[in-house]
Amino acid sequence: MLFCPLCANMLLLESASDGRVNNQSQFYCSTCAYVFRINNKVTTKVPLLRKQVDSDVFGGDEAWLQAEQCEAECGKCHHKRANFMEIQVDTIDEPKTSYFKCIKCSFLWSKKKDTL
C-alpha cells in the first residue's frame, strides 16, 4: 500500500488497461492532484510476523509461578506437567478457557473447558 506524500491518503491504482492515453499505469490520490507514474515493475514484500501469546496478559512470570500444576502433555516437547489458569474470555454463557504453560519448555496453549 502506498500513501500520498501530500495528504497521507491511500493511493489508488489506475492500470494501463483502464484506457489510459499513454498506456502507462499510475498511482493517484483521489483527494488531491498527486500522481505517481509507474515506469518499472513495482514489487514490495513485507514478511508477516505472527504475534505469539504474551504471558504478560496472564500477569507475567510471577502469576505463572503461583499457578496450579496439572498433568497435561505439552504439544511441543511432550513433557507431562504444566501450570494452568482458567480465565473467562468469552461471554458468561460460554465455557471458561484453560491456559497451560509447560513446566519444561514454557510452551503456551489453551483449551476451552467443556460445559456441564
PDB file of N, CA and C in Angstrom:
ATOM      1  N   MET A   1       0.831  -1.165   0.000  1.00  0.00           N
ATOM      2  CA  MET A   1       0.000   0.000   0.000  1.00  0.00           C
ATOM      3  C   MET A   1       0.885   1.241   0.000  1.00  0.00           C
ATOM      4  N   LEU A   2       0.569   2.157  -0.843  1.00  0.00           N
ATOM      5  CA  LEU A   2       1.309   3.416  -0.900  1.00  0.00           C
ATOM      6  C   LEU A   2       0.395   4.552  -0.466  1.00  0.00           C
ATOM      7  N   PHE A   3       0.998   5.586   0.104  1.00  0.00           N
ATOM      8  CA  PHE A   3       0.227   6.715   0.602  1.00  0.00           C
ATOM      9  C   PHE A   3       0.714   8.006  -0.034  1.00  0.00           C
ATOM     10  N   CYS A   4      -0.198   8.936  -0.193  1.00  0.00           N
ATOM     11  CA  CYS A   4       0.093  10.227  -0.804  1.00  0.00           C
ATOM     12  C   CYS A   4       1.038  11.027   0.091  1.00  0.00           C
ATOM     13  N   PRO A   5       2.149  11.532  -0.467  1.00  0.00           N
ATOM     14  CA  PRO A   5       3.075  12.326   0.338  1.00  0.00           C
ATOM     15  C   PRO A   5       2.531  13.728   0.652  1.00  0.00           C
ATOM     16  N   LEU A   6       1.472  14.152  -0.038  1.00  0.00           N
ATOM     17  CA  LEU A   6       0.904  15.484   0.182  1.00  0.00           C
ATOM     18  C   LEU A   6      -0.189  15.492   1.246  1.00  0.00           C
ATOM     19  N   CYS A   7      -1.095  14.484   1.189  1.00  0.00           N
ATOM     20  CA  CYS A   7      -2.237  14.500   2.116  1.00  0.00           C
ATOM     21  C   CYS A   7      -2.380  13.219   2.937  1.00  0.00           C
ATOM     22  N   ALA A   8      -1.509  12.240   2.742  1.00  0.00           N
ATOM     23  CA  ALA A   8      -1.444  10.993   3.513  1.00  0.00           C
ATOM     24  C   ALA A   8      -2.602  10.034   3.269  1.00  0.00           C
ATOM     25  N   ASN A   9      -3.401  10.249   2.236  1.00  0.00           N
ATOM     26  CA  ASN A   9      -4.444   9.290   1.886  1.00  0.00           C
ATOM     27  C   ASN A   9      -3.843   8.143   1.077  1.00  0.00           C
ATOM     28  N   MET A  10      -4.529   7.005   1.080  1.00  0.00           N
ATOM     29  CA  MET A  10      -4.049   5.849   0.340  1.00  0.00           C
ATOM     30  C   MET A  10      -4.146   6.114  -1.162  1.00  0.00           C
ATOM     31  N   LEU A  11      -3.095   5.756  -1.889  1.00  0.00           N
ATOM     32  CA  LEU A  11      -3.093   5.930  -3.337  1.00  0.00           C
ATOM     33  C   LEU A  11      -3.845   4.789  -4.009  1.00  0.00           C
ATOM     34  N   LEU A  12      -4.562   5.119  -5.067  1.00  0.00           N
ATOM     35  CA  LEU A  12      -5.299   4.137  -5.854  1.00  0.00           C
ATOM     36  C   LEU A  12      -4.504   3.827  -7.115  1.00  0.00           C
ATOM     37  N   LEU A  13      -4.755   2.660  -7.696  1.00  0.00           N
ATOM     38  CA  LEU A  13      -4.037   2.240  -8.895  1.00  0.00           C
ATOM     39  C   LEU A  13      -4.930   2.399 -10.112  1.00  0.00           C
ATOM     40  N   GLU A  14      -4.408   3.056 -11.123  1.00  0.00           N
ATOM     41  CA  GLU A  14      -5.066   3.138 -12.417  1.00  0.00           C
ATOM     42  C   GLU A  14      -4.151   2.398 -13.385  1.00  0.00           C
ATOM     43  N   SER A  15      -4.589   1.232 -13.838  1.00  0.00           N
ATOM     44  CA  SER A  15      -3.712   0.413 -14.679  1.00  0.00           C
ATOM     45  C   SER A  15      -3.780   0.849 -16.136  1.00  0.00           C
ATOM     46  N   ALA A  16      -2.804   0.428 -16.908  1.00  0.00           N
ATOM     47  CA  ALA A  16      -2.727   0.776 -18.328  1.00  0.00           C
ATOM     48  C   ALA A  16      -3.930   0.239 -19.087  1.00  0.00           C
ATOM     49  N   SER A  17      -4.510  -0.847 -18.623  1.00  0.00           N
ATOM     50  CA  SER A  17      -5.660  -1.442 -19.303  1.00  0.00           C
ATOM     51  C   SER A  17      -6.959  -0.686 -19.032  1.00  0.00           C
ATOM     52  N   ASP A  18      -6.928   0.344 -18.179  1.00  0.00           N
ATOM     53  CA  ASP A  18      -8.123   1.134 -17.873  1.00  0.00           C
ATOM     54  C   ASP A  18      -8.374   2.221 -18.917  1.00  0.00           C
ATOM     55  N   GLY A  19      -7.722   2.147 -20.070  1.00  0.00           N
ATOM     56  CA  GLY A  19      -7.949   3.104 -21.147  1.00  0.00           C
ATOM     57  C   GLY A  19      -7.097   4.354 -21.056  1.00  0.00           C
ATOM     58  N   ARG A  20      -5.961   4.276 -20.387  1.00  0.00           N
ATOM     59  CA  ARG A  20      -5.065   5.436 -20.275  1.00  0.00           C
ATOM     60  C   ARG A  20      -4.513   5.775 -21.663  1.00  0.00           C
ATOM     61  N   VAL A  21      -4.374   7.057 -21.930  1.00  0.00           N
ATOM     62  CA  VAL A  21      -3.916   7.530 -23.236  1.00  0.00           C
ATOM     63  C   VAL A  21      -2.480   7.099 -23.518  1.00  0.00           C
ATOM     64  N   ASN A  22      -1.585   7.270 -22.546  1.00  0.00           N
ATOM     65  CA  ASN A  22      -0.177   6.933 -22.774  1.00  0.00           C
ATOM     66  C   ASN A  22       0.147   5.478 -22.445  1.00  0.00           C
ATOM     67  N   ASN A  23      -0.870   4.672 -22.171  1.00  0.00           N
ATOM     68  CA  ASN A  23      -0.717   3.243 -21.893  1.00  0.00           C
ATOM     69  C   ASN A  23       0.292   2.992 -20.769  1.00  0.00           C
ATOM     70  N   GLN A  24       0.217   3.805 -19.720  1.00  0.00           N
ATOM     71  CA  GLN A  24       1.131   3.690 -18.591  1.00  0.00           C
ATOM     72  C   GLN A  24       0.308   3.651 -17.302  1.00  0.00           C
ATOM     73  N   SER A  25       0.612   2.702 -16.436  1.00  0.00           N
ATOM     74  CA  SER A  25      -0.091   2.616 -15.156  1.00  0.00           C
ATOM     75  C   SER A  25       0.404   3.706 -14.222  1.00  0.00           C
ATOM     76  N   GLN A  26      -0.448   4.055 -13.254  1.00  0.00           N
ATOM     77  CA  GLN A  26      -0.053   5.081 -12.295  1.00  0.00           C
ATOM     78  C   GLN A  26      -0.822   4.917 -10.994  1.00  0.00           C
ATOM     79  N   PHE A  27      -0.208   5.386  -9.916  1.00  0.00           N
ATOM     80  CA  PHE A  27      -0.896   5.533  -8.646  1.00  0.00           C
ATOM     81  C   PHE A  27      -1.381   6.975  -8.588  1.00  0.00           C
ATOM     82  N   TYR A  28      -2.588   7.174  -8.055  1.00  0.00           N
ATOM     83  CA  TYR A  28      -3.105   8.535  -7.953  1.00  0.00           C
ATOM     84  C   TYR A  28      -3.863   8.702  -6.643  1.00  0.00           C
ATOM     85  N   CYS A  29      -3.941   9.944  -6.207  1.00  0.00           N
ATOM     86  CA  CYS A  29      -4.660  10.283  -4.984  1.00  0.00           C
ATOM     87  C   CYS A  29      -6.046  10.774  -5.370  1.00  0.00           C
ATOM     88  N   SER A  30      -7.070  10.237  -4.737  1.00  0.00           N
ATOM     89  CA  SER A  30      -8.436  10.653  -5.053  1.00  0.00           C
ATOM     90  C   SER A  30      -8.816  11.958  -4.356  1.00  0.00           C
ATOM     91  N   THR A  31      -7.970  12.444  -3.452  1.00  0.00           N
ATOM     92  CA  THR A  31      -8.265  13.671  -2.713  1.00  0.00           C
ATOM     93  C   THR A  31      -7.574  14.887  -3.321  1.00  0.00           C
ATOM     94  N   CYS A  32      -6.298  14.741  -3.641  1.00  0.00           N
ATOM     95  CA  CYS A  32      -5.557  15.867  -4.225  1.00  0.00           C
ATOM     96  C   CYS A  32      -5.086  15.475  -5.625  1.00  0.00           C
ATOM     97  N   ALA A  33      -4.248  16.274  -6.226  1.00  0.00           N
ATOM     98  CA  ALA A  33      -3.837  16.048  -7.614  1.00  0.00           C
ATOM     99  C   ALA A  33      -2.566  15.209  -7.752  1.00  0.00           C
ATOM    100  N   TYR A  34      -2.102  14.554  -6.686  1.00  0.00           N
ATOM    101  CA  TYR A  34      -0.846  13.801  -6.746  1.00  0.00           C
ATOM    102  C   TYR A  34      -0.986  12.586  -7.659  1.00  0.00           C
ATOM    103  N   VAL A  35       0.019  12.391  -8.529  1.00  0.00           N
ATOM    104  CA  VAL A  35       0.073  11.242  -9.431  1.00  0.00           C
ATOM    105  C   VAL A  35       1.499  10.701  -9.413  1.00  0.00           C
ATOM    106  N   PHE A  36       1.626   9.374  -9.339  1.00  0.00           N
ATOM    107  CA  PHE A  36       2.924   8.717  -9.404  1.00  0.00           C
ATOM    108  C   PHE A  36       2.880   7.735 -10.564  1.00  0.00           C
ATOM    109  N   ARG A  37       3.559   8.084 -11.654  1.00  0.00           N
ATOM    110  CA  ARG A  37       3.569   7.220 -12.838  1.00  0.00           C
ATOM    111  C   ARG A  37       4.503   6.032 -12.600  1.00  0.00           C
ATOM    112  N   ILE A  38       4.067   4.869 -13.037  1.00  0.00           N
ATOM    113  CA  ILE A  38       4.837   3.641 -12.837  1.00  0.00           C
ATOM    114  C   ILE A  38       5.628   3.361 -14.111  1.00  0.00           C
ATOM    115  N   ASN A  39       6.941   3.519 -14.017  1.00  0.00           N
ATOM    116  CA  ASN A  39       7.814   3.274 -15.164  1.00  0.00           C
ATOM    117  C   ASN A  39       8.379   1.859 -15.154  1.00  0.00           C
ATOM    118  N   ASN A  40       8.591   1.317 -13.980  1.00  0.00           N
ATOM    119  CA  ASN A  40       9.155  -0.024 -13.825  1.00  0.00           C
ATOM    120  C   ASN A  40       8.206  -0.865 -12.983  1.00  0.00           C
ATOM    121  N   LYS A  41       8.455  -2.152 -12.962  1.00  0.00           N
ATOM    122  CA  LYS A  41       7.660  -3.062 -12.150  1.00  0.00           C
ATOM    123  C   LYS A  41       7.836  -2.695 -10.675  1.00  0.00           C
ATOM    124  N   VAL A  42       6.725  -2.614  -9.955  1.00  0.00           N
ATOM    125  CA  VAL A  42       6.750  -2.252  -8.540  1.00  0.00           C
ATOM    126  C   VAL A  42       6.422  -3.494  -7.721  1.00  0.00           C
ATOM    127  N   THR A  43       7.351  -3.896  -6.875  1.00  0.00           N
ATOM    128  CA  THR A  43       7.139  -5.048  -6.007  1.00  0.00           C
ATOM    129  C   THR A  43       7.666  -4.719  -4.624  1.00  0.00           C
ATOM    130  N   THR A  44       6.838  -4.956  -3.634  1.00  0.00           N
ATOM    131  CA  THR A  44       7.260  -4.773  -2.251  1.00  0.00           C
ATOM    132  C   THR A  44       6.812  -5.996  -1.467  1.00  0.00           C
ATOM    133  N   LYS A  45       7.750  -6.654  -0.825  1.00  0.00           N
ATOM    134  CA  LYS A  45       7.424  -7.811   0.005  1.00  0.00           C
ATOM    135  C   LYS A  45       7.673  -7.450   1.457  1.00  0.00           C
ATOM    136  N   VAL A  46       6.669  -7.687   2.269  1.00  0.00           N
ATOM    137  CA  VAL A  46       6.778  -7.428   3.698  1.00  0.00           C
ATOM    138  C   VAL A  46       6.454  -8.730   4.421  1.00  0.00           C
ATOM    139  N   PRO A  47       7.397  -9.281   5.173  1.00  0.00           N
ATOM    140  CA  PRO A  47       7.119 -10.541   5.868  1.00  0.00           C
ATOM    141  C   PRO A  47       6.089 -10.332   6.977  1.00  0.00           C
ATOM    142  N   LEU A  48       5.216 -11.305   7.128  1.00  0.00           N
ATOM    143  CA  LEU A  48       4.209 -11.266   8.177  1.00  0.00           C
ATOM    144  C   LEU A  48       4.804 -11.869   9.439  1.00  0.00           C
ATOM    145  N   LEU A  49       4.922 -11.078  10.465  1.00  0.00           N
ATOM    146  CA  LEU A  49       5.441 -11.555  11.736  1.00  0.00           C
ATOM    147  C   LEU A  49       4.264 -11.898  12.635  1.00  0.00           C
ATOM    148  N   ARG A  50       4.115 -13.160  12.933  1.00  0.00           N
ATOM    149  CA  ARG A  50       2.999 -13.598  13.769  1.00  0.00           C
ATOM    150  C   ARG A  50       3.278 -13.284  15.225  1.00  0.00           C
ATOM    151  N   LYS A  51       2.266 -12.777  15.877  1.00  0.00           N
ATOM    152  CA  LYS A  51       2.401 -12.438  17.282  1.00  0.00           C
ATOM    153  C   LYS A  51       2.229 -13.703  18.112  1.00  0.00           C
ATOM    154  N   GLN A  52       3.106 -13.898  19.062  1.00  0.00           N
ATOM    155  CA  GLN A  52       2.993 -15.042  19.953  1.00  0.00           C
ATOM    156  C   GLN A  52       2.210 -14.625  21.187  1.00  0.00           C
ATOM    157  N   VAL A  53       1.648 -15.598  21.869  1.00  0.00           N
ATOM    158  CA  VAL A  53       0.889 -15.308  23.077  1.00  0.00           C
ATOM    159  C   VAL A  53       1.815 -14.650  24.081  1.00  0.00           C
ATOM    160  N   ASP A  54       1.385 -13.527  24.583  1.00  0.00           N
ATOM    161  CA  ASP A  54       2.181 -12.751  25.523  1.00  0.00           C
ATOM    162  C   ASP A  54       1.800 -13.164  26.938  1.00  0.00           C
ATOM    163  N   SER A  55       2.754 -13.669  27.700  1.00  0.00           N
ATOM    164  CA  SER A  55       2.449 -14.137  29.053  1.00  0.00           C
ATOM    165  C   SER A  55       2.072 -12.995  29.982  1.00  0.00           C
ATOM    166  N   ASP A  56       2.405 -11.742  29.616  1.00  0.00           N
ATOM    167  CA  ASP A  56       2.019 -10.606  30.451  1.00  0.00           C
ATOM    168  C   ASP A  56       0.506 -10.439  30.525  1.00  0.00           C
ATOM    169  N   VAL A  57      -0.214 -10.943  29.529  1.00  0.00           N
ATOM    170  CA  VAL A  57      -1.671 -10.895  29.562  1.00  0.00           C
ATOM    171  C   VAL A  57      -2.186 -11.664  30.774  1.00  0.00           C
ATOM    172  N   PHE A  58      -1.450 -12.675  31.184  1.00  0.00           N
ATOM    173  CA  PHE A  58      -1.848 -13.512  32.309  1.00  0.00           C
ATOM    174  C   PHE A  58      -1.195 -13.078  33.615  1.00  0.00           C
ATOM    175  N   GLY A  59      -0.540 -11.935  33.638  1.00  0.00           N
ATOM    176  CA  GLY A  59       0.070 -11.441  34.862  1.00  0.00           C
ATOM    177  C   GLY A  59       1.568 -11.627  34.921  1.00  0.00           C
ATOM    178  N   GLY A  60       2.185 -12.022  33.833  1.00  0.00           N
ATOM    179  CA  GLY A  60       3.634 -12.171  33.787  1.00  0.00           C
ATOM    180  C   GLY A  60       4.117 -13.477  34.391  1.00  0.00           C
ATOM    181  N   ASP A  61       5.425 -13.593  34.510  1.00  0.00           N
ATOM    182  CA  ASP A  61       6.043 -14.827  35.007  1.00  0.00           C
ATOM    183  C   ASP A  61       5.665 -15.123  36.453  1.00  0.00           C
ATOM    184  N   GLU A  62       5.484 -14.084  37.267  1.00  0.00           N
ATOM    185  CA  GLU A  62       5.123 -14.298  38.673  1.00  0.00           C
ATOM    186  C   GLU A  62       3.763 -14.974  38.804  1.00  0.00           C
ATOM    187  N   ALA A  63       2.820 -14.613  37.958  1.00  0.00           N
ATOM    188  CA  ALA A  63       1.495 -15.237  38.000  1.00  0.00           C
ATOM    189  C   ALA A  63       1.587 -16.721  37.657  1.00  0.00           C
ATOM    190  N   TRP A  64       2.450 -17.066  36.697  1.00  0.00           N
ATOM    191  CA  TRP A  64       2.612 -18.472  36.339  1.00  0.00           C
ATOM    192  C   TRP A  64       3.295 -19.257  37.458  1.00  0.00           C
ATOM    193  N   LEU A  65       4.160 -18.615  38.253  1.00  0.00           N
ATOM    194  CA  LEU A  65       4.790 -19.304  39.385  1.00  0.00           C
ATOM    195  C   LEU A  65       3.761 -19.652  40.454  1.00  0.00           C
ATOM    196  N   GLN A  66       2.718 -18.825  40.573  1.00  0.00           N
ATOM    197  CA  GLN A  66       1.656 -19.062  41.550  1.00  0.00           C
ATOM    198  C   GLN A  66       0.559 -19.987  41.016  1.00  0.00           C
ATOM    199  N   ALA A  67       0.583 -20.278  39.723  1.00  0.00           N
ATOM    200  CA  ALA A  67      -0.469 -21.091  39.110  1.00  0.00           C
ATOM    201  C   ALA A  67      -0.379 -22.542  39.559  1.00  0.00           C
ATOM    202  N   GLU A  68      -1.524 -23.204  39.525  1.00  0.00           N
ATOM    203  CA  GLU A  68      -1.576 -24.622  39.894  1.00  0.00           C
ATOM    204  C   GLU A  68      -0.934 -25.467  38.802  1.00  0.00           C
ATOM    205  N   GLN A  69      -0.499 -26.685  39.196  1.00  0.00           N
ATOM    206  CA  GLN A  69       0.076 -27.623  38.238  1.00  0.00           C
ATOM    207  C   GLN A  69      -0.907 -28.751  37.985  1.00  0.00           C
ATOM    208  N   CYS A  70      -0.795 -29.335  36.810  1.00  0.00           N
ATOM    209  CA  CYS A  70      -1.655 -30.465  36.464  1.00  0.00           C
ATOM    210  C   CYS A  70      -0.901 -31.376  35.498  1.00  0.00           C
ATOM    211  N   GLU A  71      -1.501 -32.514  35.231  1.00  0.00           N
ATOM    212  CA  GLU A  71      -0.953 -33.417  34.226  1.00  0.00           C
ATOM    213  C   GLU A  71      -1.552 -33.025  32.883  1.00  0.00           C
ATOM    214  N   ALA A  72      -0.707 -32.543  31.997  1.00  0.00           N
ATOM    215  CA  ALA A  72      -1.122 -32.158  30.649  1.00  0.00           C
ATOM    216  C   ALA A  72       0.096 -32.288  29.750  1.00  0.00           C
ATOM    217  N   GLU A  73      -0.093 -32.915  28.596  1.00  0.00           N
ATOM    218  CA  GLU A  73       1.045 -33.136  27.707  1.00  0.00           C
ATOM    219  C   GLU A  73       1.296 -31.921  26.827  1.00  0.00           C
ATOM    220  N   CYS A  74       2.528 -31.469  26.834  1.00  0.00           N
ATOM    221  CA  CYS A  74       2.952 -30.331  26.016  1.00  0.00           C
ATOM    222  C   CYS A  74       2.990 -30.755  24.544  1.00  0.00           C
ATOM    223  N   GLY A  75       2.411 -29.945  23.690  1.00  0.00           N
ATOM    224  CA  GLY A  75       2.405 -30.227  22.257  1.00  0.00           C
ATOM    225  C   GLY A  75       3.745 -29.994  21.591  1.00  0.00           C
ATOM    226  N   LYS A  76       4.672 -29.353  22.299  1.00  0.00           N
ATOM    227  CA  LYS A  76       5.980 -29.056  21.717  1.00  0.00           C
ATOM    228  C   LYS A  76       7.039 -30.067  22.157  1.00  0.00           C
ATOM    229  N   CYS A  77       7.200 -30.257  23.485  1.00  0.00           N
ATOM    230  CA  CYS A  77       8.270 -31.143  23.971  1.00  0.00           C
ATOM    231  C   CYS A  77       7.725 -32.443  24.578  1.00  0.00           C
ATOM    232  N   HIS A  78       6.412 -32.591  24.669  1.00  0.00           N
ATOM    233  CA  HIS A  78       5.720 -33.783  25.180  1.00  0.00           C
ATOM    234  C   HIS A  78       5.960 -34.037  26.670  1.00  0.00           C
ATOM    235  N   HIS A  79       6.380 -32.999  27.401  1.00  0.00           N
ATOM    236  CA  HIS A  79       6.501 -33.110  28.856  1.00  0.00           C
ATOM    237  C   HIS A  79       5.097 -33.303  29.427  1.00  0.00           C
ATOM    238  N   LYS A  80       4.982 -34.001  30.545  1.00  0.00           N
ATOM    239  CA  LYS A  80       3.671 -34.401  31.066  1.00  0.00           C
ATOM    240  C   LYS A  80       3.076 -33.453  32.106  1.00  0.00           C
ATOM    241  N   ARG A  81       3.801 -32.386  32.523  1.00  0.00           N
ATOM    242  CA  ARG A  81       3.267 -31.485  33.552  1.00  0.00           C
ATOM    243  C   ARG A  81       3.258 -30.050  33.041  1.00  0.00           C
ATOM    244  N   ALA A  82       2.248 -29.305  33.497  1.00  0.00           N
ATOM    245  CA  ALA A  82       2.117 -27.904  33.087  1.00  0.00           C
ATOM    246  C   ALA A  82       1.444 -27.106  34.184  1.00  0.00           C
ATOM    247  N   ASN A  83       1.713 -25.818  34.209  1.00  0.00           N
ATOM    248  CA  ASN A  83       0.953 -24.900  35.046  1.00  0.00           C
ATOM    249  C   ASN A  83      -0.310 -24.543  34.272  1.00  0.00           C
ATOM    250  N   PHE A  84      -1.391 -24.191  34.985  1.00  0.00           N
ATOM    251  CA  PHE A  84      -2.599 -23.817  34.269  1.00  0.00           C
ATOM    252  C   PHE A  84      -3.367 -22.724  34.993  1.00  0.00           C
ATOM    253  N   MET A  85      -4.132 -21.967  34.204  1.00  0.00           N
ATOM    254  CA  MET A  85      -5.047 -20.940  34.701  1.00  0.00           C
ATOM    255  C   MET A  85      -6.341 -21.058  33.923  1.00  0.00           C
ATOM    256  N   GLU A  86      -7.460 -20.809  34.593  1.00  0.00           N
ATOM    257  CA  GLU A  86      -8.749 -20.762  33.916  1.00  0.00           C
ATOM    258  C   GLU A  86      -9.229 -19.317  33.898  1.00  0.00           C
ATOM    259  N   ILE A  87      -9.572 -18.841  32.711  1.00  0.00           N
ATOM    260  CA  ILE A  87      -9.995 -17.453  32.553  1.00  0.00           C
ATOM    261  C   ILE A  87     -11.260 -17.412  31.709  1.00  0.00           C
ATOM    262  N   GLN A  88     -12.206 -16.570  32.120  1.00  0.00           N
ATOM    263  CA  GLN A  88     -13.434 -16.363  31.356  1.00  0.00           C
ATOM    264  C   GLN A  88     -13.148 -15.295  30.302  1.00  0.00           C
ATOM    265  N   VAL A  89     -12.942 -15.707  29.047  1.00  0.00           N
ATOM    266  CA  VAL A  89     -12.601 -14.747  27.999  1.00  0.00           C
ATOM    267  C   VAL A  89     -13.792 -14.409  27.111  1.00  0.00           C
ATOM    268  N   ASP A  90     -14.773 -15.286  27.046  1.00  0.00           N
ATOM    269  CA  ASP A  90     -15.964 -15.040  26.241  1.00  0.00           C
ATOM    270  C   ASP A  90     -17.092 -14.566  27.145  1.00  0.00           C
ATOM    271  N   THR A  91     -18.290 -14.572  26.629  1.00  0.00           N
ATOM    272  CA  THR A  91     -19.448 -14.187  27.428  1.00  0.00           C
ATOM    273  C   THR A  91     -19.675 -15.210  28.530  1.00  0.00           C
ATOM    274  N   ILE A  92     -20.441 -14.826  29.527  1.00  0.00           N
ATOM    275  CA  ILE A  92     -20.651 -15.666  30.713  1.00  0.00           C
ATOM    276  C   ILE A  92     -21.331 -16.996  30.379  1.00  0.00           C
ATOM    277  N   ASP A  93     -22.104 -17.039  29.299  1.00  0.00           N
ATOM    278  CA  ASP A  93     -22.763 -18.297  28.938  1.00  0.00           C
ATOM    279  C   ASP A  93     -21.838 -19.239  28.169  1.00  0.00           C
ATOM    280  N   GLU A  94     -20.626 -18.796  27.865  1.00  0.00           N
ATOM    281  CA  GLU A  94     -19.627 -19.644  27.217  1.00  0.00           C
ATOM    282  C   GLU A  94     -18.736 -20.276  28.284  1.00  0.00           C
ATOM    283  N   PRO A  95     -18.160 -21.448  27.997  1.00  0.00           N
ATOM    284  CA  PRO A  95     -17.280 -22.085  28.990  1.00  0.00           C
ATOM    285  C   PRO A  95     -15.980 -21.304  29.174  1.00  0.00           C
ATOM    286  N   LYS A  96     -15.358 -21.494  30.341  1.00  0.00           N
ATOM    287  CA  LYS A  96     -14.067 -20.862  30.607  1.00  0.00           C
ATOM    288  C   LYS A  96     -13.006 -21.476  29.697  1.00  0.00           C
ATOM    289  N   THR A  97     -11.935 -20.738  29.496  1.00  0.00           N
ATOM    290  CA  THR A  97     -10.806 -21.233  28.717  1.00  0.00           C
ATOM    291  C   THR A  97      -9.658 -21.527  29.666  1.00  0.00           C
ATOM    292  N   SER A  98      -9.079 -22.714  29.538  1.00  0.00           N
ATOM    293  CA  SER A  98      -7.920 -23.093  30.347  1.00  0.00           C
ATOM    294  C   SER A  98      -6.659 -22.804  29.546  1.00  0.00           C
ATOM    295  N   TYR A  99      -5.723 -22.108  30.185  1.00  0.00           N
ATOM    296  CA  TYR A  99      -4.435 -21.797  29.569  1.00  0.00           C
ATOM    297  C   TYR A  99      -3.363 -22.605  30.283  1.00  0.00           C
ATOM    298  N   PHE A 100      -2.498 -23.244  29.503  1.00  0.00           N
ATOM    299  CA  PHE A 100      -1.458 -24.105  30.042  1.00  0.00           C
ATOM    300  C   PHE A 100      -0.087 -23.567  29.643  1.00  0.00           C
ATOM    301  N   LYS A 101       0.891 -23.751  30.541  1.00  0.00           N
ATOM    302  CA  LYS A 101       2.279 -23.393  30.249  1.00  0.00           C
ATOM    303  C   LYS A 101       3.149 -24.558  30.688  1.00  0.00           C
ATOM    304  N   CYS A 102       3.860 -25.143  29.739  1.00  0.00           N
ATOM    305  CA  CYS A 102       4.711 -26.295  30.017  1.00  0.00           C
ATOM    306  C   CYS A 102       5.782 -25.919  31.041  1.00  0.00           C
ATOM    307  N   ILE A 103       5.974 -26.777  32.026  1.00  0.00           N
ATOM    308  CA  ILE A 103       6.972 -26.537  33.067  1.00  0.00           C
ATOM    309  C   ILE A 103       8.385 -26.651  32.499  1.00  0.00           C
ATOM    310  N   LYS A 104       8.562 -27.511  31.499  1.00  0.00           N
ATOM    311  CA  LYS A 104       9.896 -27.760  30.947  1.00  0.00           C
ATOM    312  C   LYS A 104      10.322 -26.708  29.909  1.00  0.00           C
ATOM    313  N   CYS A 105       9.472 -26.435  28.890  1.00  0.00           N
ATOM    314  CA  CYS A 105       9.894 -25.561  27.782  1.00  0.00           C
ATOM    315  C   CYS A 105       9.135 -24.234  27.709  1.00  0.00           C
ATOM    316  N   SER A 106       8.173 -24.010  28.604  1.00  0.00           N
ATOM    317  CA  SER A 106       7.379 -22.768  28.674  1.00  0.00           C
ATOM    318  C   SER A 106       6.454 -22.554  27.479  1.00  0.00           C
ATOM    319  N   PHE A 107       6.156 -23.600  26.719  1.00  0.00           N
ATOM    320  CA  PHE A 107       5.213 -23.503  25.607  1.00  0.00           C
ATOM    321  C   PHE A 107       3.815 -23.210  26.155  1.00  0.00           C
ATOM    322  N   LEU A 108       3.086 -22.281  25.513  1.00  0.00           N
ATOM    323  CA  LEU A 108       1.737 -21.910  25.946  1.00  0.00           C
ATOM    324  C   LEU A 108       0.701 -22.485  24.997  1.00  0.00           C
ATOM    325  N   TRP A 109      -0.408 -23.003  25.546  1.00  0.00           N
ATOM    326  CA  TRP A 109      -1.534 -23.440  24.729  1.00  0.00           C
ATOM    327  C   TRP A 109      -2.806 -23.265  25.533  1.00  0.00           C
ATOM    328  N   SER A 110      -3.931 -23.358  24.840  1.00  0.00           N
ATOM    329  CA  SER A 110      -5.214 -23.150  25.514  1.00  0.00           C
ATOM    330  C   SER A 110      -6.206 -24.223  25.103  1.00  0.00           C
ATOM    331  N   LYS A 111      -7.252 -24.359  25.923  1.00  0.00           N
ATOM    332  CA  LYS A 111      -8.292 -25.342  25.665  1.00  0.00           C
ATOM    333  C   LYS A 111      -9.569 -24.843  26.324  1.00  0.00           C
ATOM    334  N   LYS A 112     -10.679 -24.864  25.567  1.00  0.00           N
ATOM    335  CA  LYS A 112     -11.959 -24.478  26.152  1.00  0.00           C
ATOM    336  C   LYS A 112     -12.446 -25.584  27.064  1.00  0.00           C
ATOM    337  N   LYS A 113     -12.945 -25.196  28.232  1.00  0.00           N
ATOM    338  CA  LYS A 113     -13.459 -26.171  29.183  1.00  0.00           C
ATOM    339  C   LYS A 113     -14.849 -26.596  28.735  1.00  0.00           C
ATOM    340  N   ASP A 114     -15.123 -27.900  28.792  1.00  0.00           N
ATOM    341  CA  ASP A 114     -16.437 -28.406  28.398  1.00  0.00           C
ATOM    342  C   ASP A 114     -17.504 -27.883  29.344  1.00  0.00           C
ATOM    343  N   THR A 115     -18.683 -27.634  28.780  1.00  0.00           N
ATOM    344  CA  THR A 115     -19.800 -27.190  29.614  1.00  0.00           C
ATOM    345  C   THR A 115     -20.388 -28.392  30.333  1.00  0.00           C
ATOM    346  N   LEU A 116     -20.966 -28.133  31.484  1.00  0.00           N
ATOM    347  CA  LEU A 116     -21.562 -29.219  32.268  1.00  0.00           C
ATOM    348  C   LEU A 116     -22.996 -29.426  31.900  1.00  0.00           C
TER     349      LEU A 116
END
